[in-house]
Amino acid sequence: MVDWKLTATTIYCEAVDDEVTLMVYKDWSVNCTGNDKYSQPSKETLNLLKRKGKQLKRELQCEGLDCHRVVGYKNKLDAEEAKRGSSV
């Protein structure tokens, strides 16, 4: 069992061209501030994504909580916890 309530890291997410914070909770559920902001964007946020995407010459779109960044961070923490548990 993990001895923390929440752990988080802030990364640059190229899918939305913005910094987002990835969070993993004690029960291993996850959240991402990018998902909160970009998965169902307001009209203003959608226009921002379109403008940025046009400048970058690619479509910007949140990939949701199953994106490789969120899953990778969760897997990294799980591996660290497994390693820590085996060394105690």
Protein backbone atom coordinates (compact mmCIF):
# COMPACT_ATOMS: atom_id res chain seq x y z
CA MET A 1 0.00 0.00 0.00
CA VAL A 2 1.30 3.44 -0.85
CA ASP A 3 2.08 5.87 1.95
CA TRP A 4 1.07 9.00 0.05
CA LYS A 5 -2.34 10.52 -0.70
CA LEU A 6 -1.50 12.19 -3.98
CA THR A 7 1.52 12.62 -6.16
CA ALA A 8 1.73 14.93 -9.13
CA THR A 9 4.07 16.18 -11.80
CA THR A 10 3.81 18.98 -14.31
CA ILE A 11 4.82 18.24 -17.89
CA TYR A 12 4.63 19.85 -21.30
CA CYS A 13 1.87 18.13 -23.26
CA GLU A 14 2.46 18.37 -26.99
CA ALA A 15 -1.10 17.15 -27.68
CA VAL A 16 -2.46 20.51 -26.46
CA ASP A 17 0.74 22.61 -26.59
CA ASP A 18 0.49 23.51 -22.90
CA GLU A 19 1.82 22.53 -19.50
CA VAL A 20 -0.45 20.15 -17.61
CA THR A 21 -0.31 18.54 -14.20
CA LEU A 22 -0.68 14.76 -13.97
CA MET A 23 -2.01 13.46 -10.65
CA VAL A 24 -2.15 9.95 -9.24
CA TYR A 25 -4.13 9.35 -6.07
CA LYS A 26 -3.60 6.78 -3.32
CA ASP A 27 -6.25 4.49 -4.88
CA TRP A 28 -4.33 4.73 -8.22
CA SER A 29 -7.03 6.81 -9.89
CA VAL A 30 -5.64 9.55 -12.14
CA ASN A 31 -6.43 13.06 -13.28
CA CYS A 32 -4.87 15.58 -15.59
CA THR A 33 -5.46 19.31 -15.64
CA GLY A 34 -5.22 19.18 -19.43
CA ASN A 35 -8.09 16.69 -19.53
CA ASP A 36 -10.14 19.00 -17.32
CA LYS A 37 -9.45 21.98 -19.58
CA TYR A 38 -9.20 20.48 -23.07
CA SER A 39 -11.28 17.30 -23.31
CA GLN A 40 -14.55 19.25 -23.54
CA PRO A 41 -13.25 22.75 -24.19
CA SER A 42 -15.26 25.92 -23.90
CA LYS A 43 -15.73 27.90 -27.09
CA GLU A 44 -12.87 30.20 -26.07
CA THR A 45 -10.50 27.29 -25.33
CA LEU A 46 -11.48 25.56 -28.57
CA ASN A 47 -10.65 28.71 -30.52
CA LEU A 48 -7.29 28.90 -28.72
CA LEU A 49 -6.51 25.28 -29.67
CA LYS A 50 -7.43 25.99 -33.29
CA ARG A 51 -5.20 29.09 -33.42
CA LYS A 52 -2.26 27.28 -31.82
CA GLY A 53 -2.80 24.29 -34.09
CA LYS A 54 -2.78 26.51 -37.16
CA GLN A 55 0.51 28.08 -36.07
CA LEU A 56 2.02 24.66 -35.37
CA LYS A 57 0.53 23.17 -38.54
CA ARG A 58 -1.05 20.24 -36.71
CA GLU A 59 -4.29 19.46 -34.91
CA LEU A 60 -4.26 19.92 -31.13
CA GLN A 61 -6.58 17.70 -29.14
CA CYS A 62 -6.57 16.22 -25.65
CA GLU A 63 -6.13 12.45 -25.72
CA GLY A 64 -8.00 11.91 -22.42
CA LEU A 65 -6.96 10.05 -19.30
CA ASP A 66 -5.84 7.03 -21.32
CA CYS A 67 -3.10 9.02 -23.07
CA HIS A 68 0.43 7.65 -22.94
CA ARG A 69 1.63 10.50 -20.71
CA VAL A 70 -0.87 9.76 -17.92
CA VAL A 71 -0.47 5.99 -18.23
CA GLY A 72 3.32 6.29 -18.33
CA TYR A 73 3.43 8.41 -15.17
CA LYS A 74 1.13 5.98 -13.35
CA ASN A 75 3.25 3.01 -14.48
CA LYS A 76 6.44 4.77 -13.37
CA LEU A 77 4.99 5.31 -9.90
CA ASP A 78 3.75 1.73 -9.73
CA ALA A 79 7.23 0.44 -10.61
CA GLU A 80 8.82 2.71 -8.00
CA GLU A 81 6.38 1.47 -5.35
CA ALA A 82 7.00 -2.16 -6.31
CA LYS A 83 10.75 -1.62 -6.07
CA ARG A 84 10.38 0.16 -2.73
CA GLY A 85 8.18 -2.64 -1.40
CA SER A 86 10.70 -5.32 -2.35
CA SER A 87 13.57 -3.48 -0.67
CA VAL A 88 11.82 -3.01 2.69
